[in-house]
Amino acid sequence: MNLLAHQLLSKNETELAIGNFIADAVKGKQYLNYSEGIQNGILLHRRIDFFMDHNEITIEGMKRLRGDFSKYSTVIIDVFYDHFIAKNWEVYHHLSLLDFTQKQYQILLGHIDEIPERLRMMLHYLEKENWMYEYRKIEGIESALLGMSRRIKHDFQLDKAVKILIEHYDEYEAEVTAFMPIISAKIPEWLEEINSSKS
């Protein structure tokens, strides 16, 4: 659910942004039902997620969560990362955070036919509440995690993770600051590999 990070890492390319957004709802080889550019976005999303879940920097952050939040630590760390990306946005993009998020929603809503049915309502809600923009505030993070808690079957109050975020705030911020240049630098390499695998 690191919405902002995935949109940022789409490098201003429309089809990559669409693929990155819908990837979690596209299982297995279903990605082949989409245009090549959207396929690339879906496959890129999968690489980003795998890298995040297995990188020593992000693993360190997840360790602080696992005791209380089990497997949902990966979901929570995504949202934590989006918070720090939003907070320090001027480091990552030339557009203001508000302009960038509004542009991304326009792109996604402008291609609503490409969005899986189960994501369409969520997209309209995200745009209305502008979650990606609200991620810059602790309250925005708490609200996002509360919304996720309502959609999972198990009795996990993900919003309670905000307490851990506050307790380890400087550590998480330092980890995001270290991690983002690493993953950003890998995007061209991964896209080249994805394109090469199709030829």
Protein backbone atom coordinates (compact mmCIF):
# COMPACT_ATOMS: atom_id res chain seq x y z
CA MET A 1 0.00 0.00 0.00
CA ASN A 2 2.90 2.39 -0.54
CA LEU A 3 0.84 4.31 -3.07
CA LEU A 4 2.99 7.41 -3.18
CA ALA A 5 6.28 5.55 -3.53
CA HIS A 6 4.99 3.47 -6.45
CA GLN A 7 3.65 6.52 -8.26
CA LEU A 8 6.92 8.37 -7.69
CA LEU A 9 8.95 5.44 -8.98
CA SER A 10 6.83 5.35 -12.14
CA LYS A 11 9.04 8.21 -13.36
CA ASN A 12 6.21 10.32 -14.81
CA GLU A 13 5.22 7.60 -17.30
CA THR A 14 1.45 7.18 -17.57
CA GLU A 15 1.26 3.45 -18.27
CA LEU A 16 3.87 2.63 -15.64
CA ALA A 17 1.79 4.61 -13.13
CA ILE A 18 -1.38 2.70 -14.05
CA GLY A 19 0.39 -0.66 -13.84
CA ASN A 20 2.00 0.24 -10.54
CA PHE A 21 -1.39 1.19 -9.11
CA ILE A 22 -3.30 -1.92 -10.19
CA ALA A 23 -0.54 -4.49 -9.67
CA ASP A 24 -1.76 -5.91 -6.35
CA ALA A 25 -5.13 -6.71 -7.94
CA VAL A 26 -3.57 -8.44 -10.96
CA LYS A 27 -2.63 -12.02 -10.11
CA GLY A 28 -0.17 -14.32 -11.84
CA LYS A 29 -0.16 -13.97 -15.61
CA GLN A 30 -3.29 -11.82 -15.72
CA TYR A 31 -0.91 -8.93 -16.46
CA LEU A 32 -0.74 -10.25 -20.04
CA ASN A 33 -4.27 -8.90 -20.56
CA TYR A 34 -2.94 -5.33 -20.52
CA SER A 35 -0.93 -3.13 -22.88
CA GLU A 36 2.83 -3.51 -22.86
CA GLY A 37 3.34 -0.30 -20.90
CA ILE A 38 0.88 -1.30 -18.18
CA GLN A 39 2.42 -4.78 -18.10
CA ASN A 40 5.76 -3.11 -17.41
CA GLY A 41 4.22 -1.15 -14.55
CA ILE A 42 2.74 -4.30 -13.00
CA LEU A 43 6.01 -6.20 -13.28
CA LEU A 44 7.95 -3.20 -11.98
CA HIS A 45 5.63 -3.02 -8.97
CA ARG A 46 6.36 -6.67 -8.19
CA ARG A 47 10.10 -6.03 -8.33
CA ILE A 48 9.80 -2.99 -6.08
CA ASP A 49 7.79 -4.97 -3.51
CA PHE A 50 10.21 -7.91 -3.56
CA PHE A 51 13.20 -5.61 -3.15
CA MET A 52 11.56 -3.75 -0.26
CA ASP A 53 10.56 -6.93 1.53
CA HIS A 54 14.10 -8.35 1.33
CA ASN A 55 16.31 -5.30 1.74
CA GLU A 56 18.28 -5.04 4.98
CA ILE A 57 17.19 -1.42 5.54
CA THR A 58 13.47 -2.12 5.33
CA ILE A 59 13.81 -5.39 7.23
CA GLU A 60 15.26 -3.43 10.15
CA GLY A 61 12.19 -1.22 10.20
CA MET A 62 9.83 -4.20 10.00
CA LYS A 63 11.50 -5.86 12.99
CA ARG A 64 10.13 -3.09 15.22
CA LEU A 65 6.61 -3.99 14.08
CA ARG A 66 6.57 -7.78 13.84
CA GLY A 67 5.99 -8.46 17.54
CA ASP A 68 2.65 -6.66 17.54
CA PHE A 69 1.57 -6.76 13.91
CA SER A 70 2.87 -10.06 12.51
CA LYS A 71 2.63 -10.35 8.72
CA TYR A 72 1.03 -6.91 8.47
CA SER A 73 4.38 -5.31 9.26
CA THR A 74 5.07 -5.22 5.51
CA VAL A 75 1.86 -3.27 4.89
CA ILE A 76 2.58 -0.85 7.73
CA ILE A 77 6.17 -0.19 6.68
CA ASP A 78 4.90 0.76 3.21
CA VAL A 79 2.70 3.45 4.72
CA PHE A 80 5.49 4.66 7.01
CA TYR A 81 7.74 5.08 3.97
CA ASP A 82 5.06 7.04 2.14
CA HIS A 83 4.86 9.38 5.13
CA PHE A 84 8.52 10.30 4.96
CA ILE A 85 8.49 10.58 1.18
CA ALA A 86 5.56 13.00 1.48
CA LYS A 87 7.15 14.89 4.36
CA ASN A 88 10.42 15.40 2.44
CA TRP A 89 8.81 15.60 -0.98
CA GLU A 90 10.96 18.42 -2.36
CA VAL A 91 13.91 16.01 -2.30
CA TYR A 92 12.18 13.62 -4.70
CA HIS A 93 10.24 15.62 -7.29
CA HIS A 94 10.12 19.05 -8.92
CA LEU A 95 6.33 19.37 -8.66
CA SER A 96 4.74 20.22 -5.34
CA LEU A 97 3.25 17.24 -3.52
CA LEU A 98 -0.27 18.56 -4.04
CA ASP A 99 0.25 19.08 -7.77
CA PHE A 100 1.87 15.67 -8.16
CA THR A 101 -0.86 13.76 -6.33
CA GLN A 102 -3.64 15.54 -8.20
CA LYS A 103 -1.91 14.76 -11.50
CA GLN A 104 -1.63 11.07 -10.57
CA TYR A 105 -5.30 10.84 -9.68
CA GLN A 106 -6.19 12.50 -13.00
CA ILE A 107 -4.08 9.93 -14.84
CA LEU A 108 -5.67 6.99 -13.04
CA LEU A 109 -9.24 8.27 -13.27
CA GLY A 110 -8.66 9.11 -16.93
CA HIS A 111 -7.92 5.41 -17.54
CA ILE A 112 -10.64 4.02 -15.29
CA ASP A 113 -11.45 1.27 -17.81
CA GLU A 114 -7.98 -0.17 -17.19
CA ILE A 115 -8.54 -0.26 -13.41
CA PRO A 116 -9.86 -3.57 -12.03
CA GLU A 117 -13.42 -3.26 -10.77
CA ARG A 118 -12.55 -3.83 -7.12
CA LEU A 119 -10.08 -0.92 -7.17
CA ARG A 120 -12.34 1.65 -8.80
CA MET A 121 -14.33 2.56 -5.70
CA MET A 122 -11.12 2.72 -3.67
CA LEU A 123 -9.55 5.01 -6.26
CA HIS A 124 -12.46 7.43 -6.09
CA TYR A 125 -12.19 7.45 -2.31
CA LEU A 126 -8.41 7.95 -2.42
CA GLU A 127 -8.87 10.89 -4.78
CA LYS A 128 -11.65 12.46 -2.75
CA GLU A 129 -9.66 12.25 0.49
CA ASN A 130 -6.30 12.67 -1.28
CA TRP A 131 -4.58 10.02 0.81
CA MET A 132 -1.23 10.44 -0.91
CA TYR A 133 -1.17 14.13 0.01
CA GLU A 134 -2.42 13.49 3.55
CA TYR A 135 0.38 10.97 4.12
CA ARG A 136 2.60 13.95 4.98
CA LYS A 137 0.86 14.20 8.36
CA ILE A 138 0.85 11.66 11.19
CA GLU A 139 -2.93 11.95 11.25
CA GLY A 140 -3.04 10.97 7.58
CA ILE A 141 -0.99 7.85 8.28
CA GLU A 142 -3.21 6.92 11.20
CA SER A 143 -6.35 7.38 9.09
CA ALA A 144 -4.93 5.25 6.26
CA LEU A 145 -3.99 2.43 8.63
CA LEU A 146 -7.39 2.59 10.30
CA GLY A 147 -9.04 2.23 6.89
CA MET A 148 -6.90 -0.80 6.13
CA SER A 149 -7.80 -2.37 9.49
CA ARG A 150 -11.46 -2.29 8.52
CA ARG A 151 -10.75 -4.26 5.35
CA ILE A 152 -8.77 -7.14 6.84
CA LYS A 153 -10.34 -10.25 8.34
CA HIS A 154 -8.13 -10.52 11.40
CA ASP A 155 -8.40 -8.40 14.52
CA PHE A 156 -5.41 -6.16 13.93
CA GLN A 157 -5.66 -2.46 14.76
CA LEU A 158 -3.04 -1.29 12.30
CA ASP A 159 -3.52 2.35 13.31
CA LYS A 160 -1.93 1.51 16.67
CA ALA A 161 1.37 1.17 14.79
CA VAL A 162 1.56 4.97 14.77
CA LYS A 163 2.83 4.72 18.35
CA ILE A 164 5.84 2.75 17.08
CA LEU A 165 6.35 5.26 14.29
CA ILE A 166 6.49 8.11 16.80
CA GLU A 167 8.79 6.20 19.17
CA HIS A 168 11.27 5.45 16.36
CA TYR A 169 10.58 8.46 14.16
CA ASP A 170 14.18 9.53 13.52
CA GLU A 171 15.26 5.96 12.81
CA TYR A 172 12.51 5.42 10.24
CA GLU A 173 13.22 8.74 8.59
CA ALA A 174 16.93 7.92 8.31
CA GLU A 175 16.09 4.52 6.80
CA VAL A 176 13.80 6.02 4.17
CA THR A 177 16.40 8.67 3.34
CA ALA A 178 19.00 5.92 2.83
CA PHE A 179 16.69 3.55 0.95
CA MET A 180 15.02 5.78 -1.64
CA PRO A 181 18.13 6.63 -3.71
CA ILE A 182 19.02 2.92 -3.80
CA ILE A 183 15.67 1.77 -5.16
CA SER A 184 15.27 4.78 -7.46
CA ALA A 185 18.59 3.94 -9.11
CA LYS A 186 17.42 0.38 -9.79
CA ILE A 187 14.30 1.35 -11.76
CA PRO A 188 16.02 1.78 -15.19
CA GLU A 189 17.86 -1.53 -14.71
CA TRP A 190 14.65 -3.38 -13.82
CA LEU A 191 12.73 -1.87 -16.73
CA GLU A 192 15.49 -2.92 -19.11
CA GLU A 193 15.37 -6.47 -17.71
CA ILE A 194 11.58 -6.56 -17.99
CA ASN A 195 11.69 -5.45 -21.62
CA SER A 196 14.52 -7.87 -22.42
CA SER A 197 12.59 -10.79 -20.95
CA LYS A 198 9.80 -10.20 -23.48
CA SER A 199 12.00 -10.17 -26.55
